[in-house]
């Protein structure tokens, strides 16, 4: 069963690197939407996948540019994600 996730990235190129890395590990994205407030601003992403939260974290931890995405990754829709940096204690 698919689960919804959301995160914030510094730029679209970081999202592209994340997606490629996840796909190399067998992650299939059922849906994917991005939201950019203005050119050169951060990118908010919402996606659904059957991959578990732990696998999403592992992909991001292996990326040298994944710190913002890892810190904002939440298993909630984009509208419910504060996109603030910090641990996911409520979701661990």
PDB file of N, CA and C in Angstrom:
ATOM      1  N   UNK A   1       0.848  -1.185   0.000  1.00  0.00           N
ATOM      2  CA  UNK A   1       0.000   0.000   0.000  1.00  0.00           C
ATOM      3  C   UNK A   1       0.890   1.244   0.000  1.00  0.00           C
ATOM      4  N   UNK A   2       0.579   2.176  -0.848  1.00  0.00           N
ATOM      5  CA  UNK A   2       1.380   3.392  -0.955  1.00  0.00           C
ATOM      6  C   UNK A   2       1.178   4.303   0.240  1.00  0.00           C
ATOM      7  N   UNK A   3       2.247   5.025   0.553  1.00  0.00           N
ATOM      8  CA  UNK A   3       2.229   6.005   1.631  1.00  0.00           C
ATOM      9  C   UNK A   3       2.682   7.343   1.059  1.00  0.00           C
ATOM     10  N   UNK A   4       2.113   8.419   1.588  1.00  0.00           N
ATOM     11  CA  UNK A   4       2.487   9.749   1.124  1.00  0.00           C
ATOM     12  C   UNK A   4       3.644  10.286   1.966  1.00  0.00           C
ATOM     13  N   UNK A   5       4.570  10.970   1.317  1.00  0.00           N
ATOM     14  CA  UNK A   5       5.712  11.612   1.965  1.00  0.00           C
ATOM     15  C   UNK A   5       5.852  13.020   1.411  1.00  0.00           C
ATOM     16  N   UNK A   6       6.491  13.873   2.177  1.00  0.00           N
ATOM     17  CA  UNK A   6       6.816  15.206   1.682  1.00  0.00           C
ATOM     18  C   UNK A   6       8.157  15.629   2.262  1.00  0.00           C
ATOM     19  N   UNK A   7       8.801  16.536   1.539  1.00  0.00           N
ATOM     20  CA  UNK A   7      10.096  17.054   1.971  1.00  0.00           C
ATOM     21  C   UNK A   7      10.381  18.358   1.253  1.00  0.00           C
ATOM     22  N   UNK A   8      11.440  19.010   1.703  1.00  0.00           N
ATOM     23  CA  UNK A   8      11.880  20.269   1.109  1.00  0.00           C
ATOM     24  C   UNK A   8      13.328  20.091   0.656  1.00  0.00           C
ATOM     25  N   UNK A   9      13.634  20.601  -0.519  1.00  0.00           N
ATOM     26  CA  UNK A   9      14.986  20.527  -1.065  1.00  0.00           C
ATOM     27  C   UNK A   9      15.484  21.934  -1.368  1.00  0.00           C
ATOM     28  N   UNK A  10      16.782  22.092  -1.327  1.00  0.00           N
ATOM     29  CA  UNK A  10      17.363  23.410  -1.577  1.00  0.00           C
ATOM     30  C   UNK A  10      17.104  23.863  -3.008  1.00  0.00           C
ATOM     31  N   UNK A  11      17.137  22.927  -3.953  1.00  0.00           N
ATOM     32  CA  UNK A  11      16.901  23.262  -5.360  1.00  0.00           C
ATOM     33  C   UNK A  11      16.422  22.013  -6.107  1.00  0.00           C
ATOM     34  N   UNK A  12      15.895  22.226  -7.287  1.00  0.00           N
ATOM     35  CA  UNK A  12      15.356  21.126  -8.087  1.00  0.00           C
ATOM     36  C   UNK A  12      16.415  20.088  -8.405  1.00  0.00           C
ATOM     37  N   UNK A  13      17.648  20.503  -8.637  1.00  0.00           N
ATOM     38  CA  UNK A  13      18.697  19.532  -8.959  1.00  0.00           C
ATOM     39  C   UNK A  13      18.911  18.541  -7.822  1.00  0.00           C
ATOM     40  N   UNK A  14      18.697  18.954  -6.578  1.00  0.00           N
ATOM     41  CA  UNK A  14      18.815  18.039  -5.440  1.00  0.00           C
ATOM     42  C   UNK A  14      17.691  17.011  -5.476  1.00  0.00           C
ATOM     43  N   UNK A  15      16.497  17.457  -5.846  1.00  0.00           N
ATOM     44  CA  UNK A  15      15.369  16.533  -5.984  1.00  0.00           C
ATOM     45  C   UNK A  15      15.687  15.502  -7.063  1.00  0.00           C
ATOM     46  N   UNK A  16      16.246  15.950  -8.170  1.00  0.00           N
ATOM     47  CA  UNK A  16      16.581  15.044  -9.271  1.00  0.00           C
ATOM     48  C   UNK A  16      17.595  13.991  -8.834  1.00  0.00           C
ATOM     49  N   UNK A  17      18.595  14.391  -8.053  1.00  0.00           N
ATOM     50  CA  UNK A  17      19.599  13.449  -7.553  1.00  0.00           C
ATOM     51  C   UNK A  17      18.941  12.438  -6.614  1.00  0.00           C
ATOM     52  N   UNK A  18      18.058  12.919  -5.731  1.00  0.00           N
ATOM     53  CA  UNK A  18      17.336  12.029  -4.815  1.00  0.00           C
ATOM     54  C   UNK A  18      16.507  11.005  -5.581  1.00  0.00           C
ATOM     55  N   UNK A  19      15.747  11.464  -6.564  1.00  0.00           N
ATOM     56  CA  UNK A  19      14.900  10.550  -7.332  1.00  0.00           C
ATOM     57  C   UNK A  19      15.719   9.486  -8.047  1.00  0.00           C
ATOM     58  N   UNK A  20      16.824   9.897  -8.633  1.00  0.00           N
ATOM     59  CA  UNK A  20      17.685   8.934  -9.333  1.00  0.00           C
ATOM     60  C   UNK A  20      18.276   7.922  -8.356  1.00  0.00           C
ATOM     61  N   UNK A  21      18.730   8.393  -7.198  1.00  0.00           N
ATOM     62  CA  UNK A  21      19.309   7.487  -6.196  1.00  0.00           C
ATOM     63  C   UNK A  21      18.261   6.506  -5.678  1.00  0.00           C
ATOM     64  N   UNK A  22      17.062   7.001  -5.417  1.00  0.00           N
ATOM     65  CA  UNK A  22      15.990   6.139  -4.924  1.00  0.00           C
ATOM     66  C   UNK A  22      15.615   5.087  -5.971  1.00  0.00           C
ATOM     67  N   UNK A  23      15.513   5.510  -7.219  1.00  0.00           N
ATOM     68  CA  UNK A  23      15.161   4.561  -8.290  1.00  0.00           C
ATOM     69  C   UNK A  23      16.230   3.488  -8.454  1.00  0.00           C
ATOM     70  N   UNK A  24      17.502   3.859  -8.269  1.00  0.00           N
ATOM     71  CA  UNK A  24      18.586   2.859  -8.350  1.00  0.00           C
ATOM     72  C   UNK A  24      18.442   1.810  -7.253  1.00  0.00           C
ATOM     73  N   UNK A  25      17.804   2.185  -6.139  1.00  0.00           N
ATOM     74  CA  UNK A  25      17.587   1.244  -5.038  1.00  0.00           C
ATOM     75  C   UNK A  25      16.232   0.545  -5.147  1.00  0.00           C
ATOM     76  N   UNK A  26      15.585   0.694  -6.280  1.00  0.00           N
ATOM     77  CA  UNK A  26      14.345  -0.026  -6.519  1.00  0.00           C
ATOM     78  C   UNK A  26      13.076   0.679  -6.080  1.00  0.00           C
ATOM     79  N   UNK A  27      13.177   1.918  -5.657  1.00  0.00           N
ATOM     80  CA  UNK A  27      11.991   2.656  -5.231  1.00  0.00           C
ATOM     81  C   UNK A  27      11.178   3.049  -6.462  1.00  0.00           C
ATOM     82  N   UNK A  28       9.883   2.780  -6.397  1.00  0.00           N
ATOM     83  CA  UNK A  28       8.953   3.174  -7.447  1.00  0.00           C
ATOM     84  C   UNK A  28       8.063   4.272  -6.871  1.00  0.00           C
ATOM     85  N   UNK A  29       8.004   5.394  -7.572  1.00  0.00           N
ATOM     86  CA  UNK A  29       7.152   6.507  -7.139  1.00  0.00           C
ATOM     87  C   UNK A  29       5.836   6.420  -7.891  1.00  0.00           C
ATOM     88  N   UNK A  30       4.738   6.332  -7.131  1.00  0.00           N
ATOM     89  CA  UNK A  30       3.413   6.260  -7.741  1.00  0.00           C
ATOM     90  C   UNK A  30       2.975   7.633  -8.222  1.00  0.00           C
ATOM     91  N   UNK A  31       3.192   8.645  -7.395  1.00  0.00           N
ATOM     92  CA  UNK A  31       2.888  10.025  -7.760  1.00  0.00           C
ATOM     93  C   UNK A  31       4.034  10.901  -7.274  1.00  0.00           C
ATOM     94  N   UNK A  32       4.197  12.041  -7.922  1.00  0.00           N
ATOM     95  CA  UNK A  32       5.236  12.983  -7.534  1.00  0.00           C
ATOM     96  C   UNK A  32       4.811  14.372  -7.982  1.00  0.00           C
ATOM     97  N   UNK A  33       4.771  15.302  -7.046  1.00  0.00           N
ATOM     98  CA  UNK A  33       4.475  16.694  -7.386  1.00  0.00           C
ATOM     99  C   UNK A  33       5.506  17.587  -6.713  1.00  0.00           C
ATOM    100  N   UNK A  34       5.866  18.657  -7.388  1.00  0.00           N
ATOM    101  CA  UNK A  34       6.796  19.632  -6.824  1.00  0.00           C
ATOM    102  C   UNK A  34       6.131  20.992  -6.795  1.00  0.00           C
ATOM    103  N   UNK A  35       6.544  21.794  -5.827  1.00  0.00           N
ATOM    104  CA  UNK A  35       6.004  23.144  -5.680  1.00  0.00           C
ATOM    105  C   UNK A  35       7.173  24.084  -5.429  1.00  0.00           C
ATOM    106  N   UNK A  36       7.290  25.101  -6.282  1.00  0.00           N
ATOM    107  CA  UNK A  36       8.354  26.093  -6.146  1.00  0.00           C
ATOM    108  C   UNK A  36       7.701  27.455  -6.010  1.00  0.00           C
ATOM    109  N   UNK A  37       8.044  28.172  -4.920  1.00  0.00           N
ATOM    110  CA  UNK A  37       7.468  29.502  -4.695  1.00  0.00           C
ATOM    111  C   UNK A  37       7.941  30.517  -5.734  1.00  0.00           C
ATOM    112  N   UNK A  38       9.236  30.517  -6.019  1.00  0.00           N
ATOM    113  CA  UNK A  38       9.820  31.484  -6.947  1.00  0.00           C
ATOM    114  C   UNK A  38      11.091  30.879  -7.527  1.00  0.00           C
ATOM    115  N   UNK A  39      11.525  31.392  -8.660  1.00  0.00           N
ATOM    116  CA  UNK A  39      12.783  30.881  -9.213  1.00  0.00           C
ATOM    117  C   UNK A  39      13.921  30.973  -8.198  1.00  0.00           C
ATOM    118  N   UNK A  40      14.761  29.964  -8.191  1.00  0.00           N
ATOM    119  CA  UNK A  40      15.911  29.875  -7.289  1.00  0.00           C
ATOM    120  C   UNK A  40      15.527  29.733  -5.816  1.00  0.00           C
ATOM    121  N   UNK A  41      14.293  29.375  -5.546  1.00  0.00           N
ATOM    122  CA  UNK A  41      13.902  29.132  -4.156  1.00  0.00           C
ATOM    123  C   UNK A  41      13.840  27.633  -3.893  1.00  0.00           C
ATOM    124  N   UNK A  42      13.653  27.282  -2.642  1.00  0.00           N
ATOM    125  CA  UNK A  42      13.569  25.871  -2.269  1.00  0.00           C
ATOM    126  C   UNK A  42      12.372  25.206  -2.952  1.00  0.00           C
ATOM    127  N   UNK A  43      12.460  23.904  -3.059  1.00  0.00           N
ATOM    128  CA  UNK A  43      11.434  23.107  -3.730  1.00  0.00           C
ATOM    129  C   UNK A  43      10.770  22.212  -2.692  1.00  0.00           C
ATOM    130  N   UNK A  44       9.452  22.233  -2.646  1.00  0.00           N
ATOM    131  CA  UNK A  44       8.703  21.330  -1.775  1.00  0.00           C
ATOM    132  C   UNK A  44       8.173  20.193  -2.646  1.00  0.00           C
ATOM    133  N   UNK A  45       8.312  18.975  -2.139  1.00  0.00           N
ATOM    134  CA  UNK A  45       7.980  17.781  -2.915  1.00  0.00           C
ATOM    135  C   UNK A  45       7.009  16.911  -2.123  1.00  0.00           C
ATOM    136  N   UNK A  46       6.046  16.355  -2.823  1.00  0.00           N
ATOM    137  CA  UNK A  46       5.141  15.353  -2.245  1.00  0.00           C
ATOM    138  C   UNK A  46       5.148  14.166  -3.183  1.00  0.00           C
ATOM    139  N   UNK A  47       5.268  12.969  -2.614  1.00  0.00           N
ATOM    140  CA  UNK A  47       5.262  11.767  -3.438  1.00  0.00           C
ATOM    141  C   UNK A  47       4.625  10.624  -2.681  1.00  0.00           C
ATOM    142  N   UNK A  48       4.174   9.642  -3.438  1.00  0.00           N
ATOM    143  CA  UNK A  48       3.664   8.409  -2.847  1.00  0.00           C
ATOM    144  C   UNK A  48       4.496   7.256  -3.370  1.00  0.00           C
ATOM    145  N   UNK A  49       4.710   6.304  -2.477  1.00  0.00           N
ATOM    146  CA  UNK A  49       5.485   5.119  -2.814  1.00  0.00           C
ATOM    147  C   UNK A  49       5.143   4.012  -1.821  1.00  0.00           C
ATOM    148  N   UNK A  50       5.435   2.788  -2.202  1.00  0.00           N
ATOM    149  CA  UNK A  50       5.275   1.672  -1.281  1.00  0.00           C
ATOM    150  C   UNK A  50       6.527   1.475  -0.438  1.00  0.00           C
ATOM    151  N   UNK A  51       7.595   2.170  -0.772  1.00  0.00           N
ATOM    152  CA  UNK A  51       8.839   2.054  -0.005  1.00  0.00           C
ATOM    153  C   UNK A  51       8.627   2.604   1.408  1.00  0.00           C
ATOM    154  N   UNK A  52       9.229   1.967   2.404  1.00  0.00           N
ATOM    155  CA  UNK A  52       9.047   2.431   3.785  1.00  0.00           C
ATOM    156  C   UNK A  52       9.880   3.689   4.091  1.00  0.00           C
ATOM    157  N   UNK A  53       9.498   4.354   5.145  1.00  0.00           N
ATOM    158  CA  UNK A  53      10.199   5.550   5.605  1.00  0.00           C
ATOM    159  C   UNK A  53      11.680   5.276   5.823  1.00  0.00           C
ATOM    160  N   UNK A  54      12.002   4.120   6.377  1.00  0.00           N
ATOM    161  CA  UNK A  54      13.410   3.801   6.633  1.00  0.00           C
ATOM    162  C   UNK A  54      14.221   3.780   5.343  1.00  0.00           C
ATOM    163  N   UNK A  55      13.645   3.282   4.266  1.00  0.00           N
ATOM    164  CA  UNK A  55      14.365   3.249   2.999  1.00  0.00           C
ATOM    165  C   UNK A  55      14.554   4.667   2.448  1.00  0.00           C
ATOM    166  N   UNK A  56      13.554   5.518   2.595  1.00  0.00           N
ATOM    167  CA  UNK A  56      13.683   6.902   2.145  1.00  0.00           C
ATOM    168  C   UNK A  56      14.807   7.603   2.914  1.00  0.00           C
ATOM    169  N   UNK A  57      14.862   7.361   4.210  1.00  0.00           N
ATOM    170  CA  UNK A  57      15.922   7.949   5.038  1.00  0.00           C
ATOM    171  C   UNK A  57      17.305   7.462   4.594  1.00  0.00           C
ATOM    172  N   UNK A  58      17.417   6.161   4.328  1.00  0.00           N
ATOM    173  CA  UNK A  58      18.702   5.592   3.906  1.00  0.00           C
ATOM    174  C   UNK A  58      19.198   6.218   2.603  1.00  0.00           C
ATOM    175  N   UNK A  59      18.293   6.412   1.663  1.00  0.00           N
ATOM    176  CA  UNK A  59      18.670   7.039   0.393  1.00  0.00           C
ATOM    177  C   UNK A  59      19.212   8.441   0.655  1.00  0.00           C
ATOM    178  N   UNK A  60      18.505   9.209   1.469  1.00  0.00           N
ATOM    179  CA  UNK A  60      18.916  10.590   1.740  1.00  0.00           C
ATOM    180  C   UNK A  60      20.204  10.651   2.562  1.00  0.00           C
ATOM    181  N   UNK A  61      20.377   9.741   3.497  1.00  0.00           N
ATOM    182  CA  UNK A  61      21.596   9.734   4.317  1.00  0.00           C
ATOM    183  C   UNK A  61      22.833   9.453   3.478  1.00  0.00           C
ATOM    184  N   UNK A  62      22.680   8.723   2.398  1.00  0.00           N
ATOM    185  CA  UNK A  62      23.813   8.381   1.539  1.00  0.00           C
ATOM    186  C   UNK A  62      24.191   9.519   0.589  1.00  0.00           C
ATOM    187  N   UNK A  63      23.367  10.551   0.546  1.00  0.00           N
ATOM    188  CA  UNK A  63      23.620  11.667  -0.370  1.00  0.00           C
ATOM    189  C   UNK A  63      24.368  12.788   0.343  1.00  0.00           C
ATOM    190  N   UNK A  64      25.416  13.292  -0.291  1.00  0.00           N
ATOM    191  CA  UNK A  64      26.155  14.402   0.319  1.00  0.00           C
ATOM    192  C   UNK A  64      25.339  15.691   0.326  1.00  0.00           C
ATOM    193  N   UNK A  65      24.322  15.795  -0.534  1.00  0.00           N
ATOM    194  CA  UNK A  65      23.489  16.997  -0.598  1.00  0.00           C
ATOM    195  C   UNK A  65      22.096  16.762  -0.014  1.00  0.00           C
ATOM    196  N   UNK A  66      21.920  15.693   0.753  1.00  0.00           N
ATOM    197  CA  UNK A  66      20.593  15.312   1.231  1.00  0.00           C
ATOM    198  C   UNK A  66      20.183  15.846   2.573  1.00  0.00           C
ATOM    199  N   UNK A  67      21.008  16.684   3.217  1.00  0.00           N
ATOM    200  CA  UNK A  67      20.712  17.078   4.602  1.00  0.00           C
ATOM    201  C   UNK A  67      19.394  17.832   4.756  1.00  0.00           C
ATOM    202  N   UNK A  68      19.065  18.767   3.869  1.00  0.00           N
ATOM    203  CA  UNK A  68      17.800  19.487   3.998  1.00  0.00           C
ATOM    204  C   UNK A  68      16.628  18.544   3.773  1.00  0.00           C
ATOM    205  N   UNK A  69      16.730  17.690   2.771  1.00  0.00           N
ATOM    206  CA  UNK A  69      15.646  16.757   2.482  1.00  0.00           C
ATOM    207  C   UNK A  69      15.455  15.774   3.631  1.00  0.00           C
ATOM    208  N   UNK A  70      16.554  15.268   4.193  1.00  0.00           N
ATOM    209  CA  UNK A  70      16.468  14.337   5.309  1.00  0.00           C
ATOM    210  C   UNK A  70      15.838  15.006   6.527  1.00  0.00           C
ATOM    211  N   UNK A  71      16.200  16.248   6.781  1.00  0.00           N
ATOM    212  CA  UNK A  71      15.682  16.963   7.954  1.00  0.00           C
ATOM    213  C   UNK A  71      14.215  17.333   7.837  1.00  0.00           C
ATOM    214  N   UNK A  72      13.696  17.414   6.603  1.00  0.00           N
ATOM    215  CA  UNK A  72      12.298  17.814   6.416  1.00  0.00           C
ATOM    216  C   UNK A  72      11.405  16.674   5.941  1.00  0.00           C
ATOM    217  N   UNK A  73      11.977  15.500   5.709  1.00  0.00           N
ATOM    218  CA  UNK A  73      11.189  14.342   5.270  1.00  0.00           C
ATOM    219  C   UNK A  73      10.165  13.967   6.341  1.00  0.00           C
ATOM    220  N   UNK A  74       8.909  13.890   5.933  1.00  0.00           N
ATOM    221  CA  UNK A  74       7.828  13.492   6.841  1.00  0.00           C
ATOM    222  C   UNK A  74       6.849  12.595   6.085  1.00  0.00           C
ATOM    223  N   UNK A  75       6.244  11.625   6.764  1.00  0.00           N
ATOM    224  CA  UNK A  75       5.248  10.766   6.120  1.00  0.00           C
ATOM    225  C   UNK A  75       3.855  11.393   6.176  1.00  0.00           C
ATOM    226  N   UNK A  76       3.762  12.604   5.638  1.00  0.00           N
ATOM    227  CA  UNK A  76       2.505  13.361   5.609  1.00  0.00           C
ATOM    228  C   UNK A  76       2.432  14.128   4.296  1.00  0.00           C
ATOM    229  N   UNK A  77       1.218  14.543   3.888  1.00  0.00           N
ATOM    230  CA  UNK A  77       1.104  15.391   2.701  1.00  0.00           C
ATOM    231  C   UNK A  77       1.843  16.724   2.908  1.00  0.00           C
ATOM    232  N   UNK A  78       2.201  17.363   1.801  1.00  0.00           N
ATOM    233  CA  UNK A  78       2.943  18.623   1.844  1.00  0.00           C
ATOM    234  C   UNK A  78       2.239  19.674   2.700  1.00  0.00           C
ATOM    235  N   UNK A  79       0.925  19.752   2.605  1.00  0.00           N
ATOM    236  CA  UNK A  79       0.170  20.759   3.356  1.00  0.00           C
ATOM    237  C   UNK A  79       0.277  20.561   4.875  1.00  0.00           C
ATOM    238  N   UNK A  80       0.583  19.339   5.308  1.00  0.00           N
ATOM    239  CA  UNK A  80       0.687  19.041   6.742  1.00  0.00           C
ATOM    240  C   UNK A  80       2.130  19.060   7.242  1.00  0.00           C
ATOM    241  N   UNK A  81       3.077  19.276   6.363  1.00  0.00           N
ATOM    242  CA  UNK A  81       4.487  19.264   6.732  1.00  0.00           C
ATOM    243  C   UNK A  81       4.944  20.698   6.970  1.00  0.00           C
ATOM    244  N   UNK A  82       5.433  20.980   8.155  1.00  0.00           N
ATOM    245  CA  UNK A  82       5.897  22.334   8.472  1.00  0.00           C
ATOM    246  C   UNK A  82       7.167  22.688   7.703  1.00  0.00           C
ATOM    247  N   UNK A  83       7.858  21.681   7.179  1.00  0.00           N
ATOM    248  CA  UNK A  83       9.096  21.846   6.424  1.00  0.00           C
ATOM    249  C   UNK A  83      10.211  22.470   7.270  1.00  0.00           C
ATOM    250  N   UNK A  84      10.079  22.375   8.575  1.00  0.00           N
ATOM    251  CA  UNK A  84      11.122  22.891   9.456  1.00  0.00           C
ATOM    252  C   UNK A  84      12.163  21.803   9.684  1.00  0.00           C
ATOM    253  N   UNK A  85      13.382  22.240   9.912  1.00  0.00           N
ATOM    254  CA  UNK A  85      14.474  21.298  10.169  1.00  0.00           C
ATOM    255  C   UNK A  85      14.304  20.686  11.544  1.00  0.00           C
ATOM    256  N   UNK A  86      14.610  19.429  11.661  1.00  0.00           N
ATOM    257  CA  UNK A  86      14.578  18.797  12.969  1.00  0.00           C
ATOM    258  C   UNK A  86      14.266  17.329  12.868  1.00  0.00           C
ATOM    259  N   UNK A  87      14.425  16.626  13.979  1.00  0.00           N
ATOM    260  CA  UNK A  87      14.177  15.189  14.001  1.00  0.00           C
ATOM    261  C   UNK A  87      12.686  14.891  13.829  1.00  0.00           C
ATOM    262  N   UNK A  88      12.420  13.704  13.336  1.00  0.00           N
ATOM    263  CA  UNK A  88      11.037  13.277  13.134  1.00  0.00           C
ATOM    264  C   UNK A  88      10.543  12.447  14.317  1.00  0.00           C
ATOM    265  N   UNK A  89      10.675  12.944  15.489  1.00  0.00           N
ATOM    266  CA  UNK A  89      10.352  12.167  16.678  1.00  0.00           C
ATOM    267  C   UNK A  89       8.921  11.617  16.645  1.00  0.00           C
ATOM    268  N   UNK A  90       8.000  12.422  16.138  1.00  0.00           N
ATOM    269  CA  UNK A  90       6.602  11.985  16.118  1.00  0.00           C
ATOM    270  C   UNK A  90       6.371  10.882  15.102  1.00  0.00           C
ATOM    271  N   UNK A  91       7.294  10.707  14.167  1.00  0.00           N
ATOM    272  CA  UNK A  91       7.100   9.729  13.100  1.00  0.00           C
ATOM    273  C   UNK A  91       8.057   8.552  13.178  1.00  0.00           C
ATOM    274  N   UNK A  92       8.957   8.585  14.124  1.00  0.00           N
ATOM    275  CA  UNK A  92      10.004   7.543  14.196  1.00  0.00           C
ATOM    276  C   UNK A  92       9.412   6.196  14.527  1.00  0.00           C
TER     277      UNK A  92
END
